[in-house]
Amino acid sequence: MTIETDLSLQARLAQRSEEIFERMIAWRRDFHANPELGNQEHRTAGIVADHLENLGFDQVRRGLGGSTGVVGILEGGQPGPCVALRADMDALPVREATGLEFASTTTALWGGETMPVMHACGHDAHTAVQMAVAEILVAERAAIKGRVMLVFQPAEEGPAPDWQGLSGAARLVADGVFDDPKPDAFFCFHVLQDERPGTAGEIRVHEGDGTYAMNLMRIKIRGRGGHGAYPWRTVDPLLIGAQVLTALQSIPAKNVDVNENAVTLSIGIFKGGTKFNVIPDEAEMEGALRFTDTTTGPYLEQRVEAIAKGIAEAAGGSAEVDWYMRVPLVHNDPDLTRRMRPSLDRAAPADKPVVAVENCFLDDVSNFSQIAPLMFFTVGVGLDEGDSAVSGFHHEPSFQVNEKGLLTALKAMVNLAVDFGHDTAKNS
């Protein structure tokens, strides 16, 4: 199936993408130098909302998702469906070690502690690309069939430790942000730094279910505190926690069929105590359980709880497990993905055809599938062959983005936004 947009329109979209590229990169570098953590993206959201208003979007809604979400709605020149594009805005509590001229030196409060902040996953690039998309779509408003909803989302990485609520996408859904207008489709991309040189601009897309679902846990262990010189008078929650952390690894190793279910269990936070010679009353761990067979979620949660509570009780303490967020796996609607494949093919570099993959990594954009069909894809940002710089993977202090790949991302999102209305009108 081919998407019958006007050839001159396609050429204009490509030309406008080239023309705005340098400004888009400037926006991205500004966001990178001034990162903000989830539910704290006040500066970023303000820049985005002002940009949409200055462009003349028909609606600009601020403060969504309980914090900093922004939605802009553009009415096209012709009737048609409503298509939503998503960009996430939040950074991570990571100390940057890239050596870039625009590297972050920002710090912010995170869980009551001052932490370094870095765009270590590429959300700065996503936000900048969508700002450029907005400008191009306004210039081509007359050619758009239907409405385009640009969603700038907070807290894709999950809510802040002191934030009561869901991740950004889940909160937007729960708050009814998409009730009126209700999108007919969602499109979302994520940069992919897989450390392979020469992959800048490579588009990867899958059909059907993605790799895994993720359930986030918080384990609180209670013991009995006391003087460090008299441990026999205490029930040490740190010692209990250390045993729990080790024992939890038996779940993916011994409790699942590795031929049918890929399970990982990672603890990213383990804290407790305030002084070297005081055994605390409590300790806390926080981590994520990931699994590819979604039917096993309840069983895996039961195993976590049994291990944590059993070890704690055997030592004279207690443990509670709070499953505070569950993120469904990314489901790329097969019909939508096949229909819109020509848009991706058109955006891909001539020497890098679109790669069809079996699955992808997780993103909380998966929550949007309960509203409308979704298509999620990645765009490579690997460094060039022979580049002296070295980039780490996502969430690592040395993570970098090859900005050449962002031109492909821009072309893909612009074409999807325009093509969806034309394709829907043709097939209605």
Protein backbone atom coordinates (compact mmCIF):
# COMPACT_ATOMS: atom_id res chain seq x y z
CA MET A 1 0.00 0.00 0.00
CA THR A 2 1.30 3.46 -0.84
CA ILE A 3 0.36 6.67 0.86
CA GLU A 4 -0.81 9.16 -1.70
CA THR A 5 0.39 12.48 -0.41
CA ASP A 6 1.23 15.07 -3.04
CA LEU A 7 4.80 14.69 -4.29
CA SER A 8 5.40 18.42 -4.03
CA LEU A 9 4.21 18.28 -0.40
CA GLN A 10 6.65 15.48 0.32
CA ALA A 11 9.44 17.52 -1.22
CA ARG A 12 8.49 20.56 0.86
CA LEU A 13 8.47 18.53 4.07
CA ALA A 14 11.97 17.26 3.28
CA GLN A 15 13.21 20.74 2.43
CA ARG A 16 11.70 22.31 5.53
CA SER A 17 13.31 19.58 7.66
CA GLU A 18 16.71 20.41 6.22
CA GLU A 19 16.19 24.14 6.73
CA ILE A 20 15.22 23.90 10.40
CA PHE A 21 17.84 21.31 11.32
CA GLU A 22 20.45 23.72 12.74
CA ARG A 23 17.90 25.50 14.93
CA MET A 24 16.59 22.14 16.12
CA ILE A 25 20.10 21.15 17.18
CA ALA A 26 20.49 24.44 19.05
CA TRP A 27 17.27 23.69 20.95
CA ARG A 28 18.49 20.21 21.74
CA ARG A 29 21.83 21.47 23.10
CA ASP A 30 20.08 24.05 25.24
CA PHE A 31 17.84 21.37 26.75
CA HIS A 32 20.86 19.13 27.24
CA ALA A 33 22.73 21.82 29.14
CA ASN A 34 19.66 22.55 31.29
CA PRO A 35 18.11 19.15 32.10
CA GLU A 36 15.20 18.68 34.48
CA LEU A 37 14.03 15.62 36.36
CA GLY A 38 10.62 13.99 36.05
CA ASN A 39 7.67 16.16 37.15
CA GLN A 40 10.13 19.08 37.46
CA GLU A 41 10.43 20.02 33.76
CA HIS A 42 9.23 23.60 34.34
CA ARG A 43 11.77 25.42 32.17
CA THR A 44 11.50 22.89 29.34
CA ALA A 45 7.70 22.89 29.41
CA GLY A 46 7.62 26.68 29.42
CA ILE A 47 9.85 26.89 26.35
CA VAL A 48 7.74 24.29 24.57
CA ALA A 49 4.38 25.90 25.39
CA ASP A 50 5.60 29.39 24.45
CA HIS A 51 6.88 27.99 21.15
CA LEU A 52 3.53 26.42 20.30
CA GLU A 53 1.62 29.57 21.22
CA ASN A 54 3.94 31.77 19.19
CA LEU A 55 3.48 29.47 16.20
CA GLY A 56 -0.29 29.91 16.41
CA PHE A 57 -1.44 26.48 17.58
CA ASP A 58 -5.20 26.44 18.04
CA GLN A 59 -4.95 25.07 21.57
CA VAL A 60 -2.03 24.96 24.00
CA ARG A 61 -2.66 23.28 27.34
CA ARG A 62 -0.11 23.53 30.14
CA GLY A 63 0.39 21.86 33.52
CA LEU A 64 -0.96 18.47 32.45
CA GLY A 65 -0.29 15.15 34.10
CA GLY A 66 -0.37 16.87 37.46
CA SER A 67 2.84 18.76 36.75
CA THR A 68 4.48 19.93 33.54
CA GLY A 69 2.82 18.19 30.60
CA VAL A 70 2.04 20.27 27.52
CA VAL A 71 -0.36 19.47 24.68
CA GLY A 72 -0.70 21.52 21.52
CA ILE A 73 -3.48 20.98 18.99
CA LEU A 74 -3.23 22.18 15.40
CA GLU A 75 -6.31 22.23 13.18
CA GLY A 76 -5.47 21.27 9.62
CA GLY A 77 -6.85 22.98 6.57
CA GLN A 78 -9.01 19.98 5.66
CA PRO A 79 -11.25 17.61 7.65
CA GLY A 80 -9.82 14.35 8.84
CA PRO A 81 -8.71 12.29 11.85
CA CYS A 82 -6.73 13.29 14.92
CA VAL A 83 -3.15 12.04 15.13
CA ALA A 84 -1.01 12.35 18.28
CA LEU A 85 2.78 12.55 18.42
CA ARG A 86 4.60 12.12 21.74
CA ALA A 87 7.91 13.55 22.99
CA ASP A 88 9.16 13.02 26.55
CA MET A 89 11.03 15.79 28.38
CA ASP A 90 12.58 14.39 31.58
CA ALA A 91 16.22 13.75 32.40
CA LEU A 92 17.89 11.42 34.92
CA PRO A 93 19.81 11.74 38.22
CA VAL A 94 23.14 10.94 36.55
CA ARG A 95 26.43 12.90 36.63
CA GLU A 96 27.45 13.65 33.04
CA ALA A 97 30.88 12.49 31.88
CA THR A 98 30.78 13.22 28.13
CA GLY A 99 33.14 16.20 27.99
CA LEU A 100 30.79 17.98 25.60
CA GLU A 101 30.89 21.77 25.43
CA PHE A 102 27.20 21.81 26.34
CA ALA A 103 27.45 19.13 29.03
CA SER A 104 25.17 19.48 32.02
CA THR A 105 26.42 20.82 35.35
CA THR A 106 22.89 21.02 36.73
CA THR A 107 21.84 19.63 40.09
CA ALA A 108 18.36 19.19 41.54
CA LEU A 109 16.57 17.72 44.52
CA TRP A 110 15.67 14.07 44.01
CA GLY A 111 14.15 12.16 46.88
CA GLY A 112 15.28 14.85 49.31
CA GLU A 113 18.91 14.74 48.14
CA THR A 114 20.81 17.06 45.80
CA MET A 115 21.72 15.05 42.72
CA PRO A 116 23.50 15.76 39.42
CA VAL A 117 21.13 15.78 36.44
CA MET A 118 21.81 14.65 32.87
CA HIS A 119 19.88 13.88 29.71
CA ALA A 120 21.30 10.38 29.67
CA CYS A 121 18.54 8.85 27.53
CA GLY A 122 17.97 11.35 24.72
CA HIS A 123 14.74 13.00 25.76
CA ASP A 124 16.31 16.38 25.03
CA ALA A 125 16.53 15.25 21.40
CA HIS A 126 12.91 14.08 21.39
CA THR A 127 11.68 17.44 22.67
CA ALA A 128 13.72 19.43 20.17
CA VAL A 129 12.60 17.27 17.25
CA GLN A 130 8.94 17.74 18.18
CA MET A 131 9.41 21.52 18.43
CA ALA A 132 10.72 21.42 14.86
CA VAL A 133 7.80 19.22 13.82
CA ALA A 134 5.44 21.86 15.21
CA GLU A 135 7.00 24.62 13.12
CA ILE A 136 6.90 22.61 9.91
CA LEU A 137 3.29 21.57 10.43
CA VAL A 138 2.18 25.16 10.97
CA ALA A 139 3.83 26.11 7.69
CA GLU A 140 1.94 23.28 5.96
CA ARG A 141 -1.33 23.67 7.85
CA ALA A 142 -3.39 23.97 4.64
CA ALA A 143 -2.22 20.53 3.50
CA ILE A 144 -3.03 18.75 6.77
CA LYS A 145 -6.15 16.59 6.83
CA GLY A 146 -7.53 16.56 10.34
CA ARG A 147 -5.90 17.58 13.59
CA VAL A 148 -2.42 17.03 14.97
CA MET A 149 -1.93 16.72 18.72
CA LEU A 150 1.63 17.24 19.96
CA VAL A 151 2.13 15.71 23.40
CA PHE A 152 5.12 16.81 25.48
CA GLN A 153 5.18 14.36 28.35
CA PRO A 154 6.78 14.56 31.80
CA ALA A 155 8.25 11.70 33.81
CA GLU A 156 8.68 8.95 31.23
CA GLU A 157 11.41 7.54 33.46
CA GLY A 158 8.87 7.27 36.25
CA PRO A 159 7.70 9.69 38.93
CA ALA A 160 10.08 11.41 41.29
CA PRO A 161 10.61 9.67 44.67
CA ASP A 162 8.48 12.29 46.42
CA TRP A 163 5.83 12.33 43.69
CA GLN A 164 2.57 10.55 44.38
CA GLY A 165 1.31 9.14 41.15
CA LEU A 166 1.96 7.32 37.92
CA SER A 167 4.54 7.71 35.21
CA GLY A 168 3.97 10.53 32.76
CA ALA A 169 2.05 8.69 30.03
CA ALA A 170 -0.11 6.73 32.47
CA ARG A 171 -0.97 9.93 34.35
CA LEU A 172 -1.99 11.72 31.14
CA VAL A 173 -4.32 8.82 30.30
CA ALA A 174 -5.75 8.64 33.82
CA ASP A 175 -6.39 12.38 33.85
CA GLY A 176 -8.46 12.21 30.65
CA VAL A 177 -6.10 14.36 28.60
CA PHE A 178 -7.04 12.40 25.48
CA ASP A 179 -10.79 12.41 25.97
CA ASP A 180 -11.41 15.45 23.75
CA PRO A 181 -10.17 15.27 21.14
CA LYS A 182 -9.56 11.55 21.19
CA PRO A 183 -6.61 10.61 18.97
CA ASP A 184 -7.10 8.03 16.24
CA ALA A 185 -3.45 6.99 16.37
CA PHE A 186 -0.27 7.64 18.37
CA PHE A 187 3.25 7.87 16.94
CA CYS A 188 6.39 7.96 19.05
CA PHE A 189 10.10 7.52 18.42
CA HIS A 190 13.11 7.05 20.67
CA VAL A 191 16.74 7.61 19.82
CA LEU A 192 18.81 4.42 20.04
CA GLN A 193 22.47 4.48 21.05
CA ASP A 194 23.39 0.83 20.78
CA GLU A 195 27.11 1.64 20.60
CA ARG A 196 27.43 0.49 17.00
CA PRO A 197 29.29 3.07 14.90
CA GLY A 198 27.68 4.26 11.69
CA THR A 199 24.06 3.72 12.70
CA ALA A 200 22.99 7.38 12.78
CA GLY A 201 19.58 7.65 11.12
CA GLU A 202 18.82 3.92 11.08
CA ILE A 203 15.11 3.34 11.72
CA ARG A 204 14.06 0.14 13.51
CA VAL A 205 10.41 -0.84 13.90
CA HIS A 206 8.49 -3.93 15.01
CA GLU A 207 4.95 -5.24 14.65
CA GLY A 208 2.91 -6.57 17.54
CA ASP A 209 4.21 -6.94 21.08
CA GLY A 210 7.54 -5.50 22.16
CA THR A 211 10.13 -7.02 24.42
CA TYR A 212 8.90 -6.88 27.99
CA ALA A 213 6.60 -5.43 30.60
CA MET A 214 7.94 -3.84 33.78
CA ASN A 215 6.64 -3.76 37.35
CA LEU A 216 8.33 -1.37 39.76
CA MET A 217 8.74 -2.36 43.40
CA ARG A 218 9.60 -0.64 46.65
CA ILE A 219 10.63 -2.94 49.51
CA LYS A 220 10.55 -1.55 53.05
CA ILE A 221 12.36 -3.60 55.67
CA ARG A 222 11.81 -2.97 59.37
CA GLY A 223 14.12 -4.16 62.07
CA ARG A 224 15.22 -2.80 65.44
CA GLY A 225 17.91 -0.18 65.56
CA GLY A 226 20.65 0.33 68.11
CA HIS A 227 24.34 0.90 68.77
CA GLY A 228 26.69 -0.53 66.18
CA ALA A 229 28.93 -1.92 68.92
CA TYR A 230 26.05 -4.02 70.28
CA PRO A 231 24.54 -5.69 67.20
CA TRP A 232 23.06 -8.51 69.27
CA ARG A 233 20.64 -5.99 70.73
CA THR A 234 19.33 -5.12 67.24
CA VAL A 235 17.62 -6.59 64.21
CA ASP A 236 19.71 -5.16 61.38
CA PRO A 237 17.51 -4.17 58.39
CA LEU A 238 20.58 -3.56 56.22
CA LEU A 239 21.77 -7.13 56.72
CA ILE A 240 18.26 -8.38 55.98
CA GLY A 241 18.16 -6.22 52.87
CA ALA A 242 21.49 -7.56 51.64
CA GLN A 243 20.18 -11.11 51.97
CA VAL A 244 16.94 -10.20 50.23
CA LEU A 245 18.79 -8.50 47.37
CA THR A 246 20.90 -11.61 46.77
CA ALA A 247 18.00 -14.04 47.13
CA LEU A 248 15.82 -12.13 44.67
CA GLN A 249 18.23 -13.14 41.90
CA SER A 250 17.04 -16.73 42.32
CA ILE A 251 13.74 -15.72 40.70
CA PRO A 252 15.06 -15.26 37.12
CA ALA A 253 17.65 -17.98 37.69
CA LYS A 254 15.42 -20.71 39.15
CA ASN A 255 11.72 -19.81 38.96
CA VAL A 256 11.08 -19.30 35.24
CA ASP A 257 11.46 -21.30 32.05
CA VAL A 258 14.20 -19.37 30.25
CA ASN A 259 13.00 -20.81 26.93
CA GLU A 260 9.65 -19.06 27.29
CA ASN A 261 10.16 -16.05 29.53
CA ALA A 262 13.09 -13.67 29.77
CA VAL A 263 13.07 -12.19 33.28
CA THR A 264 15.39 -9.66 34.86
CA LEU A 265 15.21 -8.26 38.37
CA SER A 266 17.35 -5.25 39.16
CA ILE A 267 17.62 -3.22 42.36
CA GLY A 268 18.71 0.37 41.72
CA ILE A 269 18.23 1.86 45.20
CA PHE A 270 19.32 0.38 48.54
CA LYS A 271 19.44 2.83 51.40
CA GLY A 272 19.14 3.04 55.15
CA GLY A 273 20.86 4.59 58.11
CA THR A 274 22.30 8.00 58.91
CA LYS A 275 25.52 7.29 60.86
CA PHE A 276 28.28 4.70 60.81
CA ASN A 277 27.79 3.55 64.40
CA VAL A 278 24.00 3.43 64.48
CA ILE A 279 22.14 0.43 63.14
CA PRO A 280 18.90 1.87 61.70
CA ASP A 281 15.33 0.78 62.29
CA GLU A 282 14.49 0.62 58.58
CA ALA A 283 16.01 0.10 55.15
CA GLU A 284 14.51 0.49 51.72
CA MET A 285 15.15 -0.99 48.30
CA GLU A 286 13.67 -0.03 44.97
CA GLY A 287 13.93 -1.80 41.65
CA ALA A 288 12.24 -3.23 38.60
CA LEU A 289 10.98 -6.64 37.58
CA ARG A 290 10.93 -7.12 33.80
CA PHE A 291 9.40 -10.09 31.98
CA THR A 292 8.40 -11.02 28.45
CA ASP A 293 5.51 -13.36 29.29
CA THR A 294 2.93 -10.98 30.73
CA THR A 295 0.79 -13.82 32.11
CA THR A 296 3.51 -14.57 34.69
CA GLY A 297 3.40 -11.12 36.28
CA PRO A 298 1.28 -12.08 39.32
CA TYR A 299 3.36 -15.21 39.99
CA LEU A 300 6.63 -13.28 39.82
CA GLU A 301 5.28 -10.64 42.19
CA GLN A 302 4.28 -13.38 44.64
CA ARG A 303 7.81 -14.79 44.54
CA VAL A 304 9.33 -11.40 45.30
CA GLU A 305 7.00 -10.92 48.26
CA ALA A 306 7.57 -14.43 49.62
CA ILE A 307 11.35 -14.03 49.53
CA ALA A 308 11.40 -10.55 51.05
CA LYS A 309 8.92 -11.33 53.82
CA GLY A 310 10.31 -14.78 54.55
CA ILE A 311 13.91 -13.62 54.98
CA ALA A 312 12.87 -10.62 57.06
CA GLU A 313 10.65 -12.65 59.38
CA ALA A 314 13.32 -15.33 59.83
CA ALA A 315 15.68 -12.61 61.07
CA GLY A 316 13.11 -11.14 63.44
CA GLY A 317 12.09 -8.23 61.23
CA SER A 318 9.39 -7.59 58.67
CA ALA A 319 9.13 -6.53 55.03
CA GLU A 320 6.48 -4.92 52.86
CA VAL A 321 6.49 -4.81 49.06
CA ASP A 322 4.73 -1.98 47.27
CA TRP A 323 4.16 -2.48 43.53
CA TYR A 324 3.80 1.21 42.79
CA MET A 325 3.84 1.17 39.01
CA ARG A 326 3.19 -1.39 36.29
CA VAL A 327 4.15 -0.53 32.71
CA PRO A 328 2.66 -2.67 29.92
CA LEU A 329 4.84 -3.80 27.05
CA VAL A 330 4.82 -1.74 23.87
CA HIS A 331 2.24 -3.06 21.39
CA ASN A 332 2.71 -1.78 17.86
CA ASP A 333 -0.63 -2.15 16.11
CA PRO A 334 0.20 -4.39 13.11
CA ASP A 335 -2.27 -2.74 10.72
CA LEU A 336 -1.14 0.77 11.62
CA THR A 337 2.53 -0.20 11.38
CA ARG A 338 2.09 -1.71 7.92
CA ARG A 339 0.00 1.23 6.69
CA MET A 340 2.55 3.79 7.83
CA ARG A 341 5.68 1.93 6.80
CA PRO A 342 5.99 4.02 3.58
CA SER A 343 6.35 7.14 5.73
CA LEU A 344 9.33 5.61 7.50
CA ASP A 345 10.82 4.37 4.23
CA ARG A 346 10.63 7.89 2.81
CA ALA A 347 12.39 9.36 5.84
CA ALA A 348 15.18 6.78 6.03
CA PRO A 349 18.61 7.61 4.58
CA ALA A 350 19.25 6.10 1.16
CA ASP A 351 22.04 3.90 2.53
CA LYS A 352 20.09 2.79 5.60
CA PRO A 353 16.76 1.14 4.75
CA VAL A 354 14.26 0.61 7.55
CA VAL A 355 15.05 -2.46 9.64
CA ALA A 356 12.14 -4.67 10.69
CA VAL A 357 12.89 -6.10 14.13
CA GLU A 358 11.05 -8.60 16.31
CA ASN A 359 10.80 -6.38 19.35
CA CYS A 360 11.95 -3.17 21.01
CA PHE A 361 12.78 -1.86 24.45
CA LEU A 362 10.17 -0.54 26.86
CA ASP A 363 8.73 2.98 26.95
CA ASP A 364 5.74 4.13 28.95
CA VAL A 365 4.15 5.33 25.72
CA SER A 366 2.78 1.77 25.84
CA ASN A 367 0.01 3.18 28.03
CA PHE A 368 -1.39 5.05 25.03
CA SER A 369 -2.43 1.77 23.39
CA GLN A 370 -5.55 1.75 25.56
CA ILE A 371 -6.63 4.98 23.82
CA ALA A 372 -5.79 4.29 20.16
CA PRO A 373 -3.48 2.22 17.92
CA LEU A 374 0.19 2.97 18.53
CA MET A 375 3.36 2.82 16.47
CA PHE A 376 6.71 3.18 18.27
CA PHE A 377 10.07 3.09 16.50
CA THR A 378 13.72 3.89 17.16
CA VAL A 379 16.18 6.07 15.29
CA GLY A 380 19.87 5.28 15.57
CA VAL A 381 22.27 7.86 17.00
CA GLY A 382 25.46 5.79 16.98
CA LEU A 383 28.68 7.74 16.55
CA ASP A 384 30.42 7.83 13.19
CA GLU A 385 32.98 5.28 12.08
CA GLY A 386 36.40 6.40 13.28
CA ASP A 387 34.98 8.96 15.71
CA SER A 388 37.41 9.51 18.58
CA ALA A 389 34.54 10.04 21.01
CA VAL A 390 33.06 7.13 22.91
CA SER A 391 29.43 6.84 23.95
CA GLY A 392 27.95 4.65 26.61
CA PHE A 393 24.53 3.06 26.44
CA HIS A 394 21.36 4.75 27.66
CA HIS A 395 21.40 5.85 31.33
CA GLU A 396 25.21 5.81 31.42
CA PRO A 397 27.23 8.97 32.24
CA SER A 398 29.01 8.88 28.87
CA PHE A 399 25.81 8.59 26.78
CA GLN A 400 25.95 10.73 23.63
CA VAL A 401 23.70 11.43 20.65
CA ASN A 402 24.98 11.63 17.09
CA GLU A 403 22.88 14.59 16.03
CA LYS A 404 22.97 13.55 12.36
CA GLY A 405 20.40 10.89 13.19
CA LEU A 406 17.91 13.50 14.37
CA LEU A 407 17.27 14.69 10.82
CA THR A 408 15.86 11.24 10.06
CA ALA A 409 13.73 11.39 13.19
CA LEU A 410 12.35 14.79 12.19
CA LYS A 411 11.49 13.66 8.66
CA ALA A 412 9.83 10.52 9.98
CA MET A 413 7.61 12.32 12.48
CA VAL A 414 6.61 15.06 10.05
CA ASN A 415 5.71 12.54 7.36
CA LEU A 416 3.73 10.41 9.81
CA ALA A 417 1.78 13.43 11.03
CA VAL A 418 0.80 14.45 7.49
CA ASP A 419 0.48 11.03 5.89
CA PHE A 420 -1.88 9.60 8.49
CA GLY A 421 -4.62 12.07 7.65
CA HIS A 422 -4.23 11.57 3.90
CA ASP A 423 -4.13 7.77 4.20
CA THR A 424 -7.17 7.68 6.49
CA ALA A 425 -9.14 9.94 4.16
CA LYS A 426 -8.22 7.77 1.18
CA ASN A 427 -9.38 4.57 2.90
CA SER A 428 -12.54 5.92 4.54
